[in-house]
Amino acid sequence: MLHQTNRLLLLMESLIVFTTILGAFWRNLISRLFVLIMLGTILKKYEIDITSILNQEFDELEKMKFSKSSD
């Protein structure tokens, strides 16, 4: 009985320490990681959009080059 009680107390203490550490890092570490992940997702979306726009511009420039060289 005492062995089970000691195990239960150790588990409770471990949970308290874990939640305290997690709470301490929540504002500093996890929230910043969340912001970085969100920014990365947004930037990746716009990177694809910018890449497609730049590809269209380069295609138009190449067409203009070929049309000038054929004249």
PDB file of N, CA and C in Angstrom:
ATOM      1  N   MET A   1       0.829  -1.204   0.000  1.00  0.00           N
ATOM      2  CA  MET A   1       0.000   0.000   0.000  1.00  0.00           C
ATOM      3  C   MET A   1       0.866   1.258   0.000  1.00  0.00           C
ATOM      4  N   LEU A   2       1.915   1.244   0.831  1.00  0.00           N
ATOM      5  CA  LEU A   2       2.794   2.407   0.912  1.00  0.00           C
ATOM      6  C   LEU A   2       3.550   2.605  -0.399  1.00  0.00           C
ATOM      7  N   HIS A   3       3.906   1.507  -1.044  1.00  0.00           N
ATOM      8  CA  HIS A   3       4.623   1.574  -2.309  1.00  0.00           C
ATOM      9  C   HIS A   3       3.757   2.254  -3.380  1.00  0.00           C
ATOM     10  N   GLN A   4       2.473   1.905  -3.430  1.00  0.00           N
ATOM     11  CA  GLN A   4       1.557   2.520  -4.393  1.00  0.00           C
ATOM     12  C   GLN A   4       1.353   3.997  -4.083  1.00  0.00           C
ATOM     13  N   THR A   5       1.288   4.328  -2.804  1.00  0.00           N
ATOM     14  CA  THR A   5       1.121   5.728  -2.414  1.00  0.00           C
ATOM     15  C   THR A   5       2.342   6.543  -2.812  1.00  0.00           C
ATOM     16  N   ASN A   6       3.539   5.980  -2.596  1.00  0.00           N
ATOM     17  CA  ASN A   6       4.757   6.685  -2.992  1.00  0.00           C
ATOM     18  C   ASN A   6       4.818   6.886  -4.504  1.00  0.00           C
ATOM     19  N   ARG A   7       4.389   5.875  -5.240  1.00  0.00           N
ATOM     20  CA  ARG A   7       4.360   6.001  -6.696  1.00  0.00           C
ATOM     21  C   ARG A   7       3.384   7.088  -7.132  1.00  0.00           C
ATOM     22  N   LEU A   8       2.237   7.112  -6.503  1.00  0.00           N
ATOM     23  CA  LEU A   8       1.234   8.116  -6.830  1.00  0.00           C
ATOM     24  C   LEU A   8       1.741   9.515  -6.508  1.00  0.00           C
ATOM     25  N   LEU A   9       2.390   9.671  -5.360  1.00  0.00           N
ATOM     26  CA  LEU A   9       2.955  10.977  -4.999  1.00  0.00           C
ATOM     27  C   LEU A   9       4.054  11.402  -5.970  1.00  0.00           C
ATOM     28  N   LEU A  10       4.895  10.453  -6.368  1.00  0.00           N
ATOM     29  CA  LEU A  10       5.948  10.762  -7.329  1.00  0.00           C
ATOM     30  C   LEU A  10       5.355  11.178  -8.671  1.00  0.00           C
ATOM     31  N   LEU A  11       4.311  10.496  -9.088  1.00  0.00           N
ATOM     32  CA  LEU A  11       3.645  10.847 -10.336  1.00  0.00           C
ATOM     33  C   LEU A  11       3.032  12.240 -10.253  1.00  0.00           C
ATOM     34  N   MET A  12       2.382  12.540  -9.139  1.00  0.00           N
ATOM     35  CA  MET A  12       1.773  13.865  -8.969  1.00  0.00           C
ATOM     36  C   MET A  12       2.836  14.952  -8.947  1.00  0.00           C
ATOM     37  N   GLU A  13       3.941  14.708  -8.251  1.00  0.00           N
ATOM     38  CA  GLU A  13       5.025  15.692  -8.215  1.00  0.00           C
ATOM     39  C   GLU A  13       5.623  15.891  -9.604  1.00  0.00           C
ATOM     40  N   SER A  14       5.771  14.810 -10.332  1.00  0.00           N
ATOM     41  CA  SER A  14       6.307  14.907 -11.692  1.00  0.00           C
ATOM     42  C   SER A  14       5.378  15.714 -12.585  1.00  0.00           C
ATOM     43  N   LEU A  15       4.085  15.487 -12.452  1.00  0.00           N
ATOM     44  CA  LEU A  15       3.123  16.255 -13.243  1.00  0.00           C
ATOM     45  C   LEU A  15       3.154  17.737 -12.889  1.00  0.00           C
ATOM     46  N   ILE A  16       3.282  18.040 -11.608  1.00  0.00           N
ATOM     47  CA  ILE A  16       3.350  19.441 -11.183  1.00  0.00           C
ATOM     48  C   ILE A  16       4.603  20.108 -11.741  1.00  0.00           C
ATOM     49  N   VAL A  17       5.736  19.411 -11.669  1.00  0.00           N
ATOM     50  CA  VAL A  17       6.985  19.964 -12.209  1.00  0.00           C
ATOM     51  C   VAL A  17       6.868  20.148 -13.717  1.00  0.00           C
ATOM     52  N   PHE A  18       6.317  19.157 -14.393  1.00  0.00           N
ATOM     53  CA  PHE A  18       6.170  19.239 -15.846  1.00  0.00           C
ATOM     54  C   PHE A  18       5.274  20.402 -16.255  1.00  0.00           C
ATOM     55  N   THR A  19       4.137  20.554 -15.582  1.00  0.00           N
ATOM     56  CA  THR A  19       3.239  21.656 -15.933  1.00  0.00           C
ATOM     57  C   THR A  19       3.858  23.006 -15.597  1.00  0.00           C
ATOM     58  N   THR A  20       4.654  23.068 -14.530  1.00  0.00           N
ATOM     59  CA  THR A  20       5.334  24.320 -14.186  1.00  0.00           C
ATOM     60  C   THR A  20       6.358  24.689 -15.250  1.00  0.00           C
ATOM     61  N   ILE A  21       7.145  23.704 -15.668  1.00  0.00           N
ATOM     62  CA  ILE A  21       8.143  23.964 -16.711  1.00  0.00           C
ATOM     63  C   ILE A  21       7.462  24.326 -18.021  1.00  0.00           C
ATOM     64  N   LEU A  22       6.418  23.600 -18.359  1.00  0.00           N
ATOM     65  CA  LEU A  22       5.688  23.897 -19.587  1.00  0.00           C
ATOM     66  C   LEU A  22       5.074  25.288 -19.534  1.00  0.00           C
ATOM     67  N   GLY A  23       4.529  25.658 -18.385  1.00  0.00           N
ATOM     68  CA  GLY A  23       3.965  26.998 -18.235  1.00  0.00           C
ATOM     69  C   GLY A  23       5.011  28.085 -18.343  1.00  0.00           C
ATOM     70  N   ALA A  24       6.212  27.810 -17.824  1.00  0.00           N
ATOM     71  CA  ALA A  24       7.287  28.800 -17.911  1.00  0.00           C
ATOM     72  C   ALA A  24       7.744  28.982 -19.350  1.00  0.00           C
ATOM     73  N   PHE A  25       7.792  27.900 -20.088  1.00  0.00           N
ATOM     74  CA  PHE A  25       8.227  28.000 -21.477  1.00  0.00           C
ATOM     75  C   PHE A  25       7.112  28.421 -22.421  1.00  0.00           C
ATOM     76  N   TRP A  26       5.876  28.358 -21.988  1.00  0.00           N
ATOM     77  CA  TRP A  26       4.754  28.629 -22.880  1.00  0.00           C
ATOM     78  C   TRP A  26       4.855  30.011 -23.493  1.00  0.00           C
ATOM     79  N   ARG A  27       5.066  31.015 -22.649  1.00  0.00           N
ATOM     80  CA  ARG A  27       5.123  32.384 -23.168  1.00  0.00           C
ATOM     81  C   ARG A  27       6.380  32.631 -23.979  1.00  0.00           C
ATOM     82  N   ASN A  28       7.484  32.047 -23.546  1.00  0.00           N
ATOM     83  CA  ASN A  28       8.752  32.359 -24.192  1.00  0.00           C
ATOM     84  C   ASN A  28       9.038  31.495 -25.409  1.00  0.00           C
ATOM     85  N   LEU A  29       8.806  30.221 -25.300  1.00  0.00           N
ATOM     86  CA  LEU A  29       9.251  29.313 -26.348  1.00  0.00           C
ATOM     87  C   LEU A  29       8.125  28.893 -27.280  1.00  0.00           C
ATOM     88  N   ILE A  30       7.067  28.359 -26.709  1.00  0.00           N
ATOM     89  CA  ILE A  30       6.028  27.767 -27.534  1.00  0.00           C
ATOM     90  C   ILE A  30       5.281  28.828 -28.329  1.00  0.00           C
ATOM     91  N   SER A  31       5.001  29.969 -27.721  1.00  0.00           N
ATOM     92  CA  SER A  31       4.292  31.005 -28.466  1.00  0.00           C
ATOM     93  C   SER A  31       5.142  31.536 -29.609  1.00  0.00           C
ATOM     94  N   ARG A  32       6.463  31.650 -29.391  1.00  0.00           N
ATOM     95  CA  ARG A  32       7.337  32.108 -30.478  1.00  0.00           C
ATOM     96  C   ARG A  32       7.429  31.069 -31.583  1.00  0.00           C
ATOM     97  N   LEU A  33       7.492  29.802 -31.200  1.00  0.00           N
ATOM     98  CA  LEU A  33       7.503  28.753 -32.215  1.00  0.00           C
ATOM     99  C   LEU A  33       6.209  28.759 -33.016  1.00  0.00           C
ATOM    100  N   PHE A  34       5.096  28.982 -32.336  1.00  0.00           N
ATOM    101  CA  PHE A  34       3.809  29.049 -33.019  1.00  0.00           C
ATOM    102  C   PHE A  34       3.795  30.200 -34.016  1.00  0.00           C
ATOM    103  N   VAL A  35       4.307  31.357 -33.608  1.00  0.00           N
ATOM    104  CA  VAL A  35       4.360  32.514 -34.505  1.00  0.00           C
ATOM    105  C   VAL A  35       5.262  32.216 -35.697  1.00  0.00           C
ATOM    106  N   LEU A  36       6.410  31.590 -35.449  1.00  0.00           N
ATOM    107  CA  LEU A  36       7.314  31.257 -36.552  1.00  0.00           C
ATOM    108  C   LEU A  36       6.680  30.274 -37.528  1.00  0.00           C
ATOM    109  N   ILE A  37       5.954  29.301 -36.996  1.00  0.00           N
ATOM    110  CA  ILE A  37       5.288  28.335 -37.873  1.00  0.00           C
ATOM    111  C   ILE A  37       4.222  29.027 -38.704  1.00  0.00           C
ATOM    112  N   MET A  38       3.443  29.904 -38.070  1.00  0.00           N
ATOM    113  CA  MET A  38       2.407  30.622 -38.807  1.00  0.00           C
ATOM    114  C   MET A  38       3.022  31.526 -39.870  1.00  0.00           C
ATOM    115  N   LEU A  39       4.092  32.245 -39.517  1.00  0.00           N
ATOM    116  CA  LEU A  39       4.753  33.106 -40.495  1.00  0.00           C
ATOM    117  C   LEU A  39       5.332  32.287 -41.636  1.00  0.00           C
ATOM    118  N   GLY A  40       5.911  31.148 -41.304  1.00  0.00           N
ATOM    119  CA  GLY A  40       6.454  30.286 -42.348  1.00  0.00           C
ATOM    120  C   GLY A  40       5.380  29.796 -43.291  1.00  0.00           C
ATOM    121  N   THR A  41       4.216  29.459 -42.747  1.00  0.00           N
ATOM    122  CA  THR A  41       3.112  29.006 -43.584  1.00  0.00           C
ATOM    123  C   THR A  41       2.632  30.125 -44.492  1.00  0.00           C
ATOM    124  N   ILE A  42       2.489  31.318 -43.933  1.00  0.00           N
ATOM    125  CA  ILE A  42       2.036  32.457 -44.729  1.00  0.00           C
ATOM    126  C   ILE A  42       3.065  32.805 -45.794  1.00  0.00           C
ATOM    127  N   LEU A  43       4.345  32.834 -45.406  1.00  0.00           N
ATOM    128  CA  LEU A  43       5.389  33.170 -46.366  1.00  0.00           C
ATOM    129  C   LEU A  43       5.490  32.120 -47.461  1.00  0.00           C
ATOM    130  N   LYS A  44       5.303  30.863 -47.121  1.00  0.00           N
ATOM    131  CA  LYS A  44       5.356  29.812 -48.137  1.00  0.00           C
ATOM    132  C   LYS A  44       4.220  29.997 -49.131  1.00  0.00           C
ATOM    133  N   LYS A  45       3.047  30.371 -48.647  1.00  0.00           N
ATOM    134  CA  LYS A  45       1.907  30.599 -49.541  1.00  0.00           C
ATOM    135  C   LYS A  45       2.214  31.739 -50.496  1.00  0.00           C
ATOM    136  N   TYR A  46       2.725  32.853 -49.968  1.00  0.00           N
ATOM    137  CA  TYR A  46       3.012  33.992 -50.823  1.00  0.00           C
ATOM    138  C   TYR A  46       4.238  33.754 -51.681  1.00  0.00           C
ATOM    139  N   GLU A  47       5.161  32.909 -51.224  1.00  0.00           N
ATOM    140  CA  GLU A  47       6.322  32.572 -52.051  1.00  0.00           C
ATOM    141  C   GLU A  47       5.867  31.868 -53.320  1.00  0.00           C
ATOM    142  N   ILE A  48       4.902  30.979 -53.187  1.00  0.00           N
ATOM    143  CA  ILE A  48       4.367  30.289 -54.359  1.00  0.00           C
ATOM    144  C   ILE A  48       3.693  31.292 -55.277  1.00  0.00           C
ATOM    145  N   ASP A  49       2.911  32.219 -54.720  1.00  0.00           N
ATOM    146  CA  ASP A  49       2.248  33.228 -55.529  1.00  0.00           C
ATOM    147  C   ASP A  49       3.263  34.113 -56.236  1.00  0.00           C
ATOM    148  N   ILE A  50       4.299  34.548 -55.512  1.00  0.00           N
ATOM    149  CA  ILE A  50       5.316  35.412 -56.096  1.00  0.00           C
ATOM    150  C   ILE A  50       6.088  34.658 -57.173  1.00  0.00           C
ATOM    151  N   THR A  51       6.365  33.382 -56.936  1.00  0.00           N
ATOM    152  CA  THR A  51       7.084  32.584 -57.927  1.00  0.00           C
ATOM    153  C   THR A  51       6.289  32.470 -59.213  1.00  0.00           C
ATOM    154  N   SER A  52       4.999  32.239 -59.110  1.00  0.00           N
ATOM    155  CA  SER A  52       4.187  32.124 -60.324  1.00  0.00           C
ATOM    156  C   SER A  52       4.107  33.461 -61.058  1.00  0.00           C
ATOM    157  N   ILE A  53       4.021  34.550 -60.318  1.00  0.00           N
ATOM    158  CA  ILE A  53       3.990  35.873 -60.955  1.00  0.00           C
ATOM    159  C   ILE A  53       5.310  36.151 -61.661  1.00  0.00           C
ATOM    160  N   LEU A  54       6.426  35.840 -60.990  1.00  0.00           N
ATOM    161  CA  LEU A  54       7.735  36.055 -61.617  1.00  0.00           C
ATOM    162  C   LEU A  54       7.917  35.171 -62.842  1.00  0.00           C
ATOM    163  N   ASN A  55       7.433  33.951 -62.797  1.00  0.00           N
ATOM    164  CA  ASN A  55       7.514  33.080 -63.973  1.00  0.00           C
ATOM    165  C   ASN A  55       6.747  33.672 -65.142  1.00  0.00           C
ATOM    166  N   GLN A  56       5.581  34.232 -64.878  1.00  0.00           N
ATOM    167  CA  GLN A  56       4.808  34.870 -65.941  1.00  0.00           C
ATOM    168  C   GLN A  56       5.556  36.065 -66.519  1.00  0.00           C
ATOM    169  N   GLU A  57       6.172  36.864 -65.649  1.00  0.00           N
ATOM    170  CA  GLU A  57       6.920  38.029 -66.121  1.00  0.00           C
ATOM    171  C   GLU A  57       8.107  37.607 -66.984  1.00  0.00           C
ATOM    172  N   PHE A  58       8.834  36.584 -66.543  1.00  0.00           N
ATOM    173  CA  PHE A  58       9.980  36.120 -67.325  1.00  0.00           C
ATOM    174  C   PHE A  58       9.537  35.524 -68.659  1.00  0.00           C
ATOM    175  N   ASP A  59       8.405  34.845 -68.666  1.00  0.00           N
ATOM    176  CA  ASP A  59       7.884  34.319 -69.930  1.00  0.00           C
ATOM    177  C   ASP A  59       7.556  35.451 -70.893  1.00  0.00           C
ATOM    178  N   GLU A  60       6.947  36.513 -70.372  1.00  0.00           N
ATOM    179  CA  GLU A  60       6.630  37.660 -71.222  1.00  0.00           C
ATOM    180  C   GLU A  60       7.902  38.328 -71.740  1.00  0.00           C
ATOM    181  N   LEU A  61       8.932  38.429 -70.898  1.00  0.00           N
ATOM    182  CA  LEU A  61      10.200  39.014 -71.344  1.00  0.00           C
ATOM    183  C   LEU A  61      10.847  38.162 -72.433  1.00  0.00           C
ATOM    184  N   GLU A  62      10.793  36.859 -72.286  1.00  0.00           N
ATOM    185  CA  GLU A  62      11.353  35.982 -73.317  1.00  0.00           C
ATOM    186  C   GLU A  62      10.584  36.112 -74.622  1.00  0.00           C
ATOM    187  N   LYS A  63       9.270  36.230 -74.543  1.00  0.00           N
ATOM    188  CA  LYS A  63       8.466  36.420 -75.753  1.00  0.00           C
ATOM    189  C   LYS A  63       8.839  37.727 -76.436  1.00  0.00           C
ATOM    190  N   MET A  64       9.052  38.779 -75.621  1.00  0.00           N
ATOM    191  CA  MET A  64       9.444  40.068 -76.199  1.00  0.00           C
ATOM    192  C   MET A  64      10.819  39.957 -76.859  1.00  0.00           C
ATOM    193  N   LYS A  65      11.742  39.226 -76.253  1.00  0.00           N
ATOM    194  CA  LYS A  65      13.077  39.034 -76.832  1.00  0.00           C
ATOM    195  C   LYS A  65      12.989  38.327 -78.178  1.00  0.00           C
ATOM    196  N   PHE A  66      12.203  37.255 -78.217  1.00  0.00           N
ATOM    197  CA  PHE A  66      12.080  36.498 -79.461  1.00  0.00           C
ATOM    198  C   PHE A  66      11.389  37.317 -80.543  1.00  0.00           C
ATOM    199  N   SER A  67      10.408  38.114 -80.148  1.00  0.00           N
ATOM    200  CA  SER A  67       9.721  38.926 -81.157  1.00  0.00           C
ATOM    201  C   SER A  67      10.644  40.018 -81.691  1.00  0.00           C
ATOM    202  N   LYS A  68      11.505  40.593 -80.855  1.00  0.00           N
ATOM    203  CA  LYS A  68      12.457  41.611 -81.309  1.00  0.00           C
ATOM    204  C   LYS A  68      13.548  40.991 -82.177  1.00  0.00           C
ATOM    205  N   SER A  69      13.996  39.798 -81.829  1.00  0.00           N
ATOM    206  CA  SER A  69      15.063  39.158 -82.605  1.00  0.00           C
ATOM    207  C   SER A  69      14.557  38.680 -83.965  1.00  0.00           C
ATOM    208  N   SER A  70      13.290  38.355 -84.071  1.00  0.00           N
ATOM    209  CA  SER A  70      12.734  37.912 -85.354  1.00  0.00           C
ATOM    210  C   SER A  70      12.427  39.089 -86.272  1.00  0.00           C
ATOM    211  N   ASP A  71      12.310  40.300 -85.709  1.00  0.00           N
ATOM    212  CA  ASP A  71      12.027  41.491 -86.543  1.00  0.00           C
ATOM    213  C   ASP A  71      13.210  41.920 -87.269  1.00  0.00           C
TER     214      ASP A  71
END
